[in-house]
Amino acid sequence: MYCPKCKGEYREGFTQCADCQIPLVDELPQSESDDAPIDLVEVLSTADPGLIALVKSVLEAEDIPYLAHGEHFSRMHATIPVRFLVAKEDVEVAREVLKDLL
């Protein structure tokens, strides 16, 4: 059983989502957007740990979804830069909010 709103999964016997207070469904509908590829564009690349944290904070505050490519290497204290990628439609907004950081 699944909640159609938050997509939470429940064991058999539950009929309502505890968080959303709506009826559960047997299967979640497959949406076209789930399978559609997203064009990602790099908006910033840095190996500076302080700047990485700041960029993540700014993008999250602006509700701009991002991918921090290479972030796991940064945590291992490697000098490989983290590449911040955003969806093509968010590039202008992301660059605008990040321009003062550089």
PDB file of N, CA and C in Angstrom:
ATOM      1  N   MET A   1       0.847  -1.175   0.000  1.00  0.00           N
ATOM      2  CA  MET A   1       0.000   0.000   0.000  1.00  0.00           C
ATOM      3  C   MET A   1       0.896   1.243   0.000  1.00  0.00           C
ATOM      4  N   TYR A   2       0.453   2.241  -0.746  1.00  0.00           N
ATOM      5  CA  TYR A   2       1.259   3.450  -0.911  1.00  0.00           C
ATOM      6  C   TYR A   2       0.394   4.700  -0.758  1.00  0.00           C
ATOM      7  N   CYS A   3       1.017   5.764  -0.289  1.00  0.00           N
ATOM      8  CA  CYS A   3       0.337   7.057  -0.248  1.00  0.00           C
ATOM      9  C   CYS A   3       0.565   7.738  -1.593  1.00  0.00           C
ATOM     10  N   PRO A   4      -0.507   8.127  -2.282  1.00  0.00           N
ATOM     11  CA  PRO A   4      -0.334   8.759  -3.601  1.00  0.00           C
ATOM     12  C   PRO A   4       0.268  10.167  -3.516  1.00  0.00           C
ATOM     13  N   LYS A   5       0.262  10.771  -2.336  1.00  0.00           N
ATOM     14  CA  LYS A   5       0.793  12.122  -2.204  1.00  0.00           C
ATOM     15  C   LYS A   5       2.276  12.118  -1.841  1.00  0.00           C
ATOM     16  N   CYS A   6       2.636  11.479  -0.707  1.00  0.00           N
ATOM     17  CA  CYS A   6       4.036  11.498  -0.257  1.00  0.00           C
ATOM     18  C   CYS A   6       4.816  10.267  -0.699  1.00  0.00           C
ATOM     19  N   LYS A   7       4.114   9.320  -1.306  1.00  0.00           N
ATOM     20  CA  LYS A   7       4.699   8.087  -1.847  1.00  0.00           C
ATOM     21  C   LYS A   7       5.245   7.158  -0.759  1.00  0.00           C
ATOM     22  N   GLY A   8       4.784   7.356   0.493  1.00  0.00           N
ATOM     23  CA  GLY A   8       5.177   6.481   1.595  1.00  0.00           C
ATOM     24  C   GLY A   8       4.618   5.079   1.394  1.00  0.00           C
ATOM     25  N   GLU A   9       5.378   4.083   1.842  1.00  0.00           N
ATOM     26  CA  GLU A   9       4.952   2.696   1.682  1.00  0.00           C
ATOM     27  C   GLU A   9       4.478   2.163   3.035  1.00  0.00           C
ATOM     28  N   TYR A  10       3.358   1.441   2.999  1.00  0.00           N
ATOM     29  CA  TYR A  10       2.759   0.894   4.210  1.00  0.00           C
ATOM     30  C   TYR A  10       2.574  -0.608   4.075  1.00  0.00           C
ATOM     31  N   ARG A  11       2.576  -1.292   5.219  1.00  0.00           N
ATOM     32  CA  ARG A  11       2.309  -2.727   5.233  1.00  0.00           C
ATOM     33  C   ARG A  11       0.832  -2.970   4.965  1.00  0.00           C
ATOM     34  N   GLU A  12       0.542  -4.190   4.562  1.00  0.00           N
ATOM     35  CA  GLU A  12      -0.833  -4.619   4.310  1.00  0.00           C
ATOM     36  C   GLU A  12      -1.662  -4.393   5.578  1.00  0.00           C
ATOM     37  N   GLY A  13      -2.879  -3.926   5.426  1.00  0.00           N
ATOM     38  CA  GLY A  13      -3.760  -3.682   6.561  1.00  0.00           C
ATOM     39  C   GLY A  13      -3.960  -2.202   6.850  1.00  0.00           C
ATOM     40  N   PHE A  14      -3.006  -1.378   6.442  1.00  0.00           N
ATOM     41  CA  PHE A  14      -3.168   0.063   6.615  1.00  0.00           C
ATOM     42  C   PHE A  14      -4.013   0.591   5.469  1.00  0.00           C
ATOM     43  N   THR A  15      -4.835   1.587   5.750  1.00  0.00           N
ATOM     44  CA  THR A  15      -5.734   2.123   4.722  1.00  0.00           C
ATOM     45  C   THR A  15      -5.569   3.614   4.509  1.00  0.00           C
ATOM     46  N   GLN A  16      -4.861   4.293   5.428  1.00  0.00           N
ATOM     47  CA  GLN A  16      -4.730   5.742   5.334  1.00  0.00           C
ATOM     48  C   GLN A  16      -3.302   6.146   5.689  1.00  0.00           C
ATOM     49  N   CYS A  17      -2.785   7.158   4.986  1.00  0.00           N
ATOM     50  CA  CYS A  17      -1.439   7.674   5.263  1.00  0.00           C
ATOM     51  C   CYS A  17      -1.457   8.423   6.598  1.00  0.00           C
ATOM     52  N   ALA A  18      -0.542   8.065   7.472  1.00  0.00           N
ATOM     53  CA  ALA A  18      -0.471   8.695   8.795  1.00  0.00           C
ATOM     54  C   ALA A  18      -0.068  10.171   8.696  1.00  0.00           C
ATOM     55  N   ASP A  19       0.695  10.534   7.681  1.00  0.00           N
ATOM     56  CA  ASP A  19       1.150  11.921   7.532  1.00  0.00           C
ATOM     57  C   ASP A  19       0.176  12.779   6.741  1.00  0.00           C
ATOM     58  N   CYS A  20      -0.321  12.245   5.623  1.00  0.00           N
ATOM     59  CA  CYS A  20      -1.147  13.029   4.705  1.00  0.00           C
ATOM     60  C   CYS A  20      -2.646  12.900   4.979  1.00  0.00           C
ATOM     61  N   GLN A  21      -3.020  11.896   5.756  1.00  0.00           N
ATOM     62  CA  GLN A  21      -4.425  11.668   6.097  1.00  0.00           C
ATOM     63  C   GLN A  21      -5.297  11.446   4.864  1.00  0.00           C
ATOM     64  N   ILE A  22      -4.748  10.709   3.874  1.00  0.00           N
ATOM     65  CA  ILE A  22      -5.527  10.369   2.683  1.00  0.00           C
ATOM     66  C   ILE A  22      -5.474   8.854   2.478  1.00  0.00           C
ATOM     67  N   PRO A  23      -6.468   8.303   1.747  1.00  0.00           N
ATOM     68  CA  PRO A  23      -6.499   6.850   1.530  1.00  0.00           C
ATOM     69  C   PRO A  23      -5.287   6.362   0.735  1.00  0.00           C
ATOM     70  N   LEU A  24      -4.811   5.167   1.099  1.00  0.00           N
ATOM     71  CA  LEU A  24      -3.697   4.535   0.403  1.00  0.00           C
ATOM     72  C   LEU A  24      -4.189   3.852  -0.861  1.00  0.00           C
ATOM     73  N   VAL A  25      -3.265   3.618  -1.801  1.00  0.00           N
ATOM     74  CA  VAL A  25      -3.573   2.911  -3.048  1.00  0.00           C
ATOM     75  C   VAL A  25      -2.672   1.684  -3.144  1.00  0.00           C
ATOM     76  N   ASP A  26      -3.094   0.706  -3.951  1.00  0.00           N
ATOM     77  CA  ASP A  26      -2.318  -0.522  -4.108  1.00  0.00           C
ATOM     78  C   ASP A  26      -1.003  -0.286  -4.836  1.00  0.00           C
ATOM     79  N   GLU A  27      -1.023   0.569  -5.857  1.00  0.00           N
ATOM     80  CA  GLU A  27       0.174   0.859  -6.649  1.00  0.00           C
ATOM     81  C   GLU A  27       0.232   2.334  -6.959  1.00  0.00           C
ATOM     82  N   LEU A  28       1.448   2.853  -7.030  1.00  0.00           N
ATOM     83  CA  LEU A  28       1.625   4.246  -7.425  1.00  0.00           C
ATOM     84  C   LEU A  28       1.580   4.350  -8.940  1.00  0.00           C
ATOM     85  N   PRO A  29       0.899   5.354  -9.471  1.00  0.00           N
ATOM     86  CA  PRO A  29       0.888   5.522 -10.924  1.00  0.00           C
ATOM     87  C   PRO A  29       2.265   5.933 -11.417  1.00  0.00           C
ATOM     88  N   GLN A  30       2.662   5.405 -12.553  1.00  0.00           N
ATOM     89  CA  GLN A  30       3.943   5.761 -13.163  1.00  0.00           C
ATOM     90  C   GLN A  30       3.749   7.057 -13.930  1.00  0.00           C
ATOM     91  N   SER A  31       4.434   8.107 -13.522  1.00  0.00           N
ATOM     92  CA  SER A  31       4.297   9.374 -14.231  1.00  0.00           C
ATOM     93  C   SER A  31       5.366   9.471 -15.306  1.00  0.00           C
ATOM     94  N   GLU A  32       5.042  10.210 -16.326  1.00  0.00           N
ATOM     95  CA  GLU A  32       5.984  10.378 -17.443  1.00  0.00           C
ATOM     96  C   GLU A  32       7.225  11.129 -16.995  1.00  0.00           C
ATOM     97  N   SER A  33       7.072  12.042 -16.046  1.00  0.00           N
ATOM     98  CA  SER A  33       8.215  12.843 -15.617  1.00  0.00           C
ATOM     99  C   SER A  33       9.243  12.007 -14.861  1.00  0.00           C
ATOM    100  N   ASP A  34       8.824  10.872 -14.285  1.00  0.00           N
ATOM    101  CA  ASP A  34       9.764  10.018 -13.576  1.00  0.00           C
ATOM    102  C   ASP A  34      10.795   9.399 -14.516  1.00  0.00           C
ATOM    103  N   ASP A  35      10.411   9.162 -15.755  1.00  0.00           N
ATOM    104  CA  ASP A  35      11.289   8.512 -16.712  1.00  0.00           C
ATOM    105  C   ASP A  35      11.984   9.486 -17.657  1.00  0.00           C
ATOM    106  N   ALA A  36      11.532  10.718 -17.677  1.00  0.00           N
ATOM    107  CA  ALA A  36      12.087  11.685 -18.613  1.00  0.00           C
ATOM    108  C   ALA A  36      13.486  12.106 -18.161  1.00  0.00           C
ATOM    109  N   PRO A  37      14.448  12.078 -19.064  1.00  0.00           N
ATOM    110  CA  PRO A  37      15.798  12.525 -18.690  1.00  0.00           C
ATOM    111  C   PRO A  37      15.813  14.032 -18.424  1.00  0.00           C
ATOM    112  N   ILE A  38      16.684  14.443 -17.541  1.00  0.00           N
ATOM    113  CA  ILE A  38      16.808  15.853 -17.201  1.00  0.00           C
ATOM    114  C   ILE A  38      18.146  16.351 -17.731  1.00  0.00           C
ATOM    115  N   ASP A  39      18.113  17.443 -18.475  1.00  0.00           N
ATOM    116  CA  ASP A  39      19.348  18.054 -18.962  1.00  0.00           C
ATOM    117  C   ASP A  39      19.966  18.845 -17.829  1.00  0.00           C
ATOM    118  N   LEU A  40      21.168  18.443 -17.401  1.00  0.00           N
ATOM    119  CA  LEU A  40      21.871  19.132 -16.332  1.00  0.00           C
ATOM    120  C   LEU A  40      22.974  20.012 -16.895  1.00  0.00           C
ATOM    121  N   VAL A  41      23.148  21.163 -16.264  1.00  0.00           N
ATOM    122  CA  VAL A  41      24.160  22.124 -16.689  1.00  0.00           C
ATOM    123  C   VAL A  41      24.991  22.510 -15.468  1.00  0.00           C
ATOM    124  N   GLU A  42      26.304  22.561 -15.639  1.00  0.00           N
ATOM    125  CA  GLU A  42      27.190  22.966 -14.544  1.00  0.00           C
ATOM    126  C   GLU A  42      27.079  24.464 -14.321  1.00  0.00           C
ATOM    127  N   VAL A  43      26.871  24.848 -13.041  1.00  0.00           N
ATOM    128  CA  VAL A  43      26.812  26.268 -12.706  1.00  0.00           C
ATOM    129  C   VAL A  43      28.012  26.705 -11.878  1.00  0.00           C
ATOM    130  N   LEU A  44      28.735  25.739 -11.283  1.00  0.00           N
ATOM    131  CA  LEU A  44      29.901  26.083 -10.485  1.00  0.00           C
ATOM    132  C   LEU A  44      30.708  24.827 -10.222  1.00  0.00           C
ATOM    133  N   SER A  45      32.028  24.993 -10.128  1.00  0.00           N
ATOM    134  CA  SER A  45      32.917  23.888  -9.797  1.00  0.00           C
ATOM    135  C   SER A  45      33.955  24.405  -8.813  1.00  0.00           C
ATOM    136  N   THR A  46      34.129  23.694  -7.692  1.00  0.00           N
ATOM    137  CA  THR A  46      35.106  24.127  -6.686  1.00  0.00           C
ATOM    138  C   THR A  46      35.558  22.948  -5.840  1.00  0.00           C
ATOM    139  N   ALA A  47      36.785  23.044  -5.334  1.00  0.00           N
ATOM    140  CA  ALA A  47      37.309  22.049  -4.405  1.00  0.00           C
ATOM    141  C   ALA A  47      37.396  22.630  -2.995  1.00  0.00           C
ATOM    142  N   ASP A  48      36.977  23.884  -2.818  1.00  0.00           N
ATOM    143  CA  ASP A  48      37.025  24.562  -1.525  1.00  0.00           C
ATOM    144  C   ASP A  48      35.872  24.057  -0.644  1.00  0.00           C
ATOM    145  N   PRO A  49      36.170  23.347   0.454  1.00  0.00           N
ATOM    146  CA  PRO A  49      35.122  22.783   1.307  1.00  0.00           C
ATOM    147  C   PRO A  49      34.149  23.832   1.857  1.00  0.00           C
ATOM    148  N   GLY A  50      34.658  25.002   2.194  1.00  0.00           N
ATOM    149  CA  GLY A  50      33.792  26.068   2.702  1.00  0.00           C
ATOM    150  C   GLY A  50      32.836  26.562   1.644  1.00  0.00           C
ATOM    151  N   LEU A  51      33.341  26.723   0.429  1.00  0.00           N
ATOM    152  CA  LEU A  51      32.497  27.188  -0.669  1.00  0.00           C
ATOM    153  C   LEU A  51      31.482  26.112  -1.060  1.00  0.00           C
ATOM    154  N   ILE A  52      31.881  24.850  -0.989  1.00  0.00           N
ATOM    155  CA  ILE A  52      30.952  23.754  -1.295  1.00  0.00           C
ATOM    156  C   ILE A  52      29.760  23.822  -0.350  1.00  0.00           C
ATOM    157  N   ALA A  53      30.022  23.962   0.938  1.00  0.00           N
ATOM    158  CA  ALA A  53      28.943  24.041   1.926  1.00  0.00           C
ATOM    159  C   ALA A  53      28.066  25.269   1.692  1.00  0.00           C
ATOM    160  N   LEU A  54      28.683  26.389   1.351  1.00  0.00           N
ATOM    161  CA  LEU A  54      27.941  27.623   1.112  1.00  0.00           C
ATOM    162  C   LEU A  54      27.051  27.504  -0.124  1.00  0.00           C
ATOM    163  N   VAL A  55      27.583  26.934  -1.201  1.00  0.00           N
ATOM    164  CA  VAL A  55      26.803  26.764  -2.436  1.00  0.00           C
ATOM    165  C   VAL A  55      25.594  25.866  -2.172  1.00  0.00           C
ATOM    166  N   LYS A  56      25.822  24.761  -1.469  1.00  0.00           N
ATOM    167  CA  LYS A  56      24.707  23.858  -1.141  1.00  0.00           C
ATOM    168  C   LYS A  56      23.640  24.605  -0.347  1.00  0.00           C
ATOM    169  N   SER A  57      24.073  25.383   0.629  1.00  0.00           N
ATOM    170  CA  SER A  57      23.139  26.128   1.471  1.00  0.00           C
ATOM    171  C   SER A  57      22.322  27.130   0.656  1.00  0.00           C
ATOM    172  N   VAL A  58      22.981  27.848  -0.237  1.00  0.00           N
ATOM    173  CA  VAL A  58      22.295  28.856  -1.056  1.00  0.00           C
ATOM    174  C   VAL A  58      21.296  28.195  -2.002  1.00  0.00           C
ATOM    175  N   LEU A  59      21.720  27.135  -2.683  1.00  0.00           N
ATOM    176  CA  LEU A  59      20.813  26.461  -3.616  1.00  0.00           C
ATOM    177  C   LEU A  59      19.608  25.863  -2.884  1.00  0.00           C
ATOM    178  N   GLU A  60      19.847  25.277  -1.719  1.00  0.00           N
ATOM    179  CA  GLU A  60      18.741  24.714  -0.942  1.00  0.00           C
ATOM    180  C   GLU A  60      17.798  25.800  -0.450  1.00  0.00           C
ATOM    181  N   ALA A  61      18.333  26.940  -0.022  1.00  0.00           N
ATOM    182  CA  ALA A  61      17.503  28.051   0.451  1.00  0.00           C
ATOM    183  C   ALA A  61      16.617  28.598  -0.658  1.00  0.00           C
ATOM    184  N   GLU A  62      17.113  28.526  -1.879  1.00  0.00           N
ATOM    185  CA  GLU A  62      16.351  29.016  -3.038  1.00  0.00           C
ATOM    186  C   GLU A  62      15.479  27.920  -3.659  1.00  0.00           C
ATOM    187  N   ASP A  63      15.462  26.738  -3.047  1.00  0.00           N
ATOM    188  CA  ASP A  63      14.687  25.586  -3.560  1.00  0.00           C
ATOM    189  C   ASP A  63      15.079  25.228  -4.991  1.00  0.00           C
ATOM    190  N   ILE A  64      16.367  25.282  -5.272  1.00  0.00           N
ATOM    191  CA  ILE A  64      16.879  24.898  -6.589  1.00  0.00           C
ATOM    192  C   ILE A  64      17.472  23.499  -6.461  1.00  0.00           C
ATOM    193  N   PRO A  65      16.837  22.488  -7.067  1.00  0.00           N
ATOM    194  CA  PRO A  65      17.405  21.139  -7.002  1.00  0.00           C
ATOM    195  C   PRO A  65      18.758  21.107  -7.708  1.00  0.00           C
ATOM    196  N   TYR A  66      19.698  20.369  -7.136  1.00  0.00           N
ATOM    197  CA  TYR A  66      21.044  20.314  -7.715  1.00  0.00           C
ATOM    198  C   TYR A  66      21.647  18.941  -7.510  1.00  0.00           C
ATOM    199  N   LEU A  67      22.695  18.681  -8.281  1.00  0.00           N
ATOM    200  CA  LEU A  67      23.513  17.489  -8.110  1.00  0.00           C
ATOM    201  C   LEU A  67      24.926  17.982  -7.835  1.00  0.00           C
ATOM    202  N   ALA A  68      25.509  17.536  -6.711  1.00  0.00           N
ATOM    203  CA  ALA A  68      26.879  17.894  -6.373  1.00  0.00           C
ATOM    204  C   ALA A  68      27.768  16.730  -6.803  1.00  0.00           C
ATOM    205  N   HIS A  69      28.150  16.727  -8.068  1.00  0.00           N
ATOM    206  CA  HIS A  69      28.924  15.634  -8.651  1.00  0.00           C
ATOM    207  C   HIS A  69      30.344  15.653  -8.110  1.00  0.00           C
ATOM    208  N   GLY A  70      30.764  14.539  -7.518  1.00  0.00           N
ATOM    209  CA  GLY A  70      32.103  14.433  -6.958  1.00  0.00           C
ATOM    210  C   GLY A  70      32.160  14.767  -5.483  1.00  0.00           C
ATOM    211  N   GLU A  71      31.008  15.008  -4.871  1.00  0.00           N
ATOM    212  CA  GLU A  71      30.975  15.403  -3.463  1.00  0.00           C
ATOM    213  C   GLU A  71      31.555  14.324  -2.548  1.00  0.00           C
ATOM    214  N   HIS A  72      31.327  13.064  -2.871  1.00  0.00           N
ATOM    215  CA  HIS A  72      31.846  11.997  -2.020  1.00  0.00           C
ATOM    216  C   HIS A  72      33.374  11.983  -2.012  1.00  0.00           C
ATOM    217  N   PHE A  73      34.011  12.418  -3.088  1.00  0.00           N
ATOM    218  CA  PHE A  73      35.468  12.513  -3.100  1.00  0.00           C
ATOM    219  C   PHE A  73      35.935  13.658  -2.211  1.00  0.00           C
ATOM    220  N   SER A  74      35.150  14.714  -2.171  1.00  0.00           N
ATOM    221  CA  SER A  74      35.474  15.864  -1.334  1.00  0.00           C
ATOM    222  C   SER A  74      35.504  15.469   0.135  1.00  0.00           C
ATOM    223  N   ARG A  75      34.609  14.583   0.528  1.00  0.00           N
ATOM    224  CA  ARG A  75      34.556  14.134   1.919  1.00  0.00           C
ATOM    225  C   ARG A  75      35.762  13.281   2.290  1.00  0.00           C
ATOM    226  N   MET A  76      36.440  12.736   1.287  1.00  0.00           N
ATOM    227  CA  MET A  76      37.637  11.931   1.541  1.00  0.00           C
ATOM    228  C   MET A  76      38.884  12.795   1.506  1.00  0.00           C
ATOM    229  N   HIS A  77      38.693  14.115   1.523  1.00  0.00           N
ATOM    230  CA  HIS A  77      39.771  15.093   1.514  1.00  0.00           C
ATOM    231  C   HIS A  77      40.620  15.024   0.244  1.00  0.00           C
ATOM    232  N   ALA A  78      39.989  14.651  -0.845  1.00  0.00           N
ATOM    233  CA  ALA A  78      40.660  14.669  -2.138  1.00  0.00           C
ATOM    234  C   ALA A  78      40.557  16.083  -2.701  1.00  0.00           C
ATOM    235  N   THR A  79      41.402  16.406  -3.637  1.00  0.00           N
ATOM    236  CA  THR A  79      41.378  17.746  -4.220  1.00  0.00           C
ATOM    237  C   THR A  79      40.590  17.785  -5.518  1.00  0.00           C
ATOM    238  N   ILE A  80      39.719  16.822  -5.711  1.00  0.00           N
ATOM    239  CA  ILE A  80      38.875  16.795  -6.911  1.00  0.00           C
ATOM    240  C   ILE A  80      37.736  17.786  -6.707  1.00  0.00           C
ATOM    241  N   PRO A  81      37.515  18.681  -7.650  1.00  0.00           N
ATOM    242  CA  PRO A  81      36.440  19.669  -7.471  1.00  0.00           C
ATOM    243  C   PRO A  81      35.051  19.033  -7.517  1.00  0.00           C
ATOM    244  N   VAL A  82      34.153  19.647  -6.787  1.00  0.00           N
ATOM    245  CA  VAL A  82      32.747  19.263  -6.819  1.00  0.00           C
ATOM    246  C   VAL A  82      32.096  20.122  -7.894  1.00  0.00           C
ATOM    247  N   ARG A  83      31.396  19.455  -8.803  1.00  0.00           N
ATOM    248  CA  ARG A  83      30.693  20.159  -9.884  1.00  0.00           C
ATOM    249  C   ARG A  83      29.219  20.268  -9.504  1.00  0.00           C
ATOM    250  N   PHE A  84      28.709  21.482  -9.407  1.00  0.00           N
ATOM    251  CA  PHE A  84      27.299  21.701  -9.097  1.00  0.00           C
ATOM    252  C   PHE A  84      26.515  21.787 -10.408  1.00  0.00           C
ATOM    253  N   LEU A  85      25.579  20.861 -10.561  1.00  0.00           N
ATOM    254  CA  LEU A  85      24.765  20.770 -11.768  1.00  0.00           C
ATOM    255  C   LEU A  85      23.311  21.029 -11.410  1.00  0.00           C
ATOM    256  N   VAL A  86      22.628  21.788 -12.250  1.00  0.00           N
ATOM    257  CA  VAL A  86      21.201  22.050 -12.062  1.00  0.00           C
ATOM    258  C   VAL A  86      20.476  21.783 -13.374  1.00  0.00           C
ATOM    259  N   ALA A  87      19.168  21.636 -13.287  1.00  0.00           N
ATOM    260  CA  ALA A  87      18.356  21.436 -14.491  1.00  0.00           C
ATOM    261  C   ALA A  87      18.482  22.658 -15.395  1.00  0.00           C
ATOM    262  N   LYS A  88      18.411  22.401 -16.676  1.00  0.00           N
ATOM    263  CA  LYS A  88      18.584  23.459 -17.689  1.00  0.00           C
ATOM    264  C   LYS A  88      17.683  24.660 -17.419  1.00  0.00           C
ATOM    265  N   GLU A  89      16.454  24.391 -16.970  1.00  0.00           N
ATOM    266  CA  GLU A  89      15.511  25.496 -16.736  1.00  0.00           C
ATOM    267  C   GLU A  89      15.835  26.305 -15.477  1.00  0.00           C
ATOM    268  N   ASP A  90      16.727  25.802 -14.622  1.00  0.00           N
ATOM    269  CA  ASP A  90      17.107  26.516 -13.397  1.00  0.00           C
ATOM    270  C   ASP A  90      18.455  27.219 -13.500  1.00  0.00           C
ATOM    271  N   VAL A  91      19.127  27.129 -14.636  1.00  0.00           N
ATOM    272  CA  VAL A  91      20.488  27.652 -14.778  1.00  0.00           C
ATOM    273  C   VAL A  91      20.560  29.152 -14.508  1.00  0.00           C
ATOM    274  N   GLU A  92      19.700  29.937 -15.114  1.00  0.00           N
ATOM    275  CA  GLU A  92      19.784  31.388 -14.958  1.00  0.00           C
ATOM    276  C   GLU A  92      19.583  31.809 -13.513  1.00  0.00           C
ATOM    277  N   VAL A  93      18.590  31.226 -12.850  1.00  0.00           N
ATOM    278  CA  VAL A  93      18.322  31.568 -11.454  1.00  0.00           C
ATOM    279  C   VAL A  93      19.486  31.137 -10.571  1.00  0.00           C
ATOM    280  N   ALA A  94      20.006  29.930 -10.789  1.00  0.00           N
ATOM    281  CA  ALA A  94      21.121  29.423  -9.991  1.00  0.00           C
ATOM    282  C   ALA A  94      22.354  30.307 -10.159  1.00  0.00           C
ATOM    283  N   ARG A  95      22.676  30.667 -11.374  1.00  0.00           N
ATOM    284  CA  ARG A  95      23.846  31.527 -11.605  1.00  0.00           C
ATOM    285  C   ARG A  95      23.659  32.897 -10.977  1.00  0.00           C
ATOM    286  N   GLU A  96      22.439  33.387 -11.000  1.00  0.00           N
ATOM    287  CA  GLU A  96      22.160  34.700 -10.411  1.00  0.00           C
ATOM    288  C   GLU A  96      22.370  34.662  -8.897  1.00  0.00           C
ATOM    289  N   VAL A  97      21.864  33.654  -8.214  1.00  0.00           N
ATOM    290  CA  VAL A  97      22.011  33.590  -6.758  1.00  0.00           C
ATOM    291  C   VAL A  97      23.431  33.237  -6.332  1.00  0.00           C
ATOM    292  N   LEU A  98      24.190  32.598  -7.218  1.00  0.00           N
ATOM    293  CA  LEU A  98      25.567  32.220  -6.877  1.00  0.00           C
ATOM    294  C   LEU A  98      26.615  33.245  -7.288  1.00  0.00           C
ATOM    295  N   LYS A  99      26.236  34.237  -8.089  1.00  0.00           N
ATOM    296  CA  LYS A  99      27.229  35.165  -8.643  1.00  0.00           C
ATOM    297  C   LYS A  99      27.972  35.951  -7.564  1.00  0.00           C
ATOM    298  N   ASP A 100      27.332  36.259  -6.462  1.00  0.00           N
ATOM    299  CA  ASP A 100      27.995  37.017  -5.400  1.00  0.00           C
ATOM    300  C   ASP A 100      28.985  36.176  -4.593  1.00  0.00           C
ATOM    301  N   LEU A 101      28.896  34.858  -4.714  1.00  0.00           N
ATOM    302  CA  LEU A 101      29.829  33.983  -3.998  1.00  0.00           C
ATOM    303  C   LEU A 101      31.190  33.959  -4.655  1.00  0.00           C
ATOM    304  N   LEU A 102      31.248  34.309  -5.903  1.00  0.00           N
ATOM    305  CA  LEU A 102      32.514  34.265  -6.627  1.00  0.00           C
ATOM    306  C   LEU A 102      33.119  35.636  -6.621  1.00  0.00           C
TER     307      LEU A 102
END
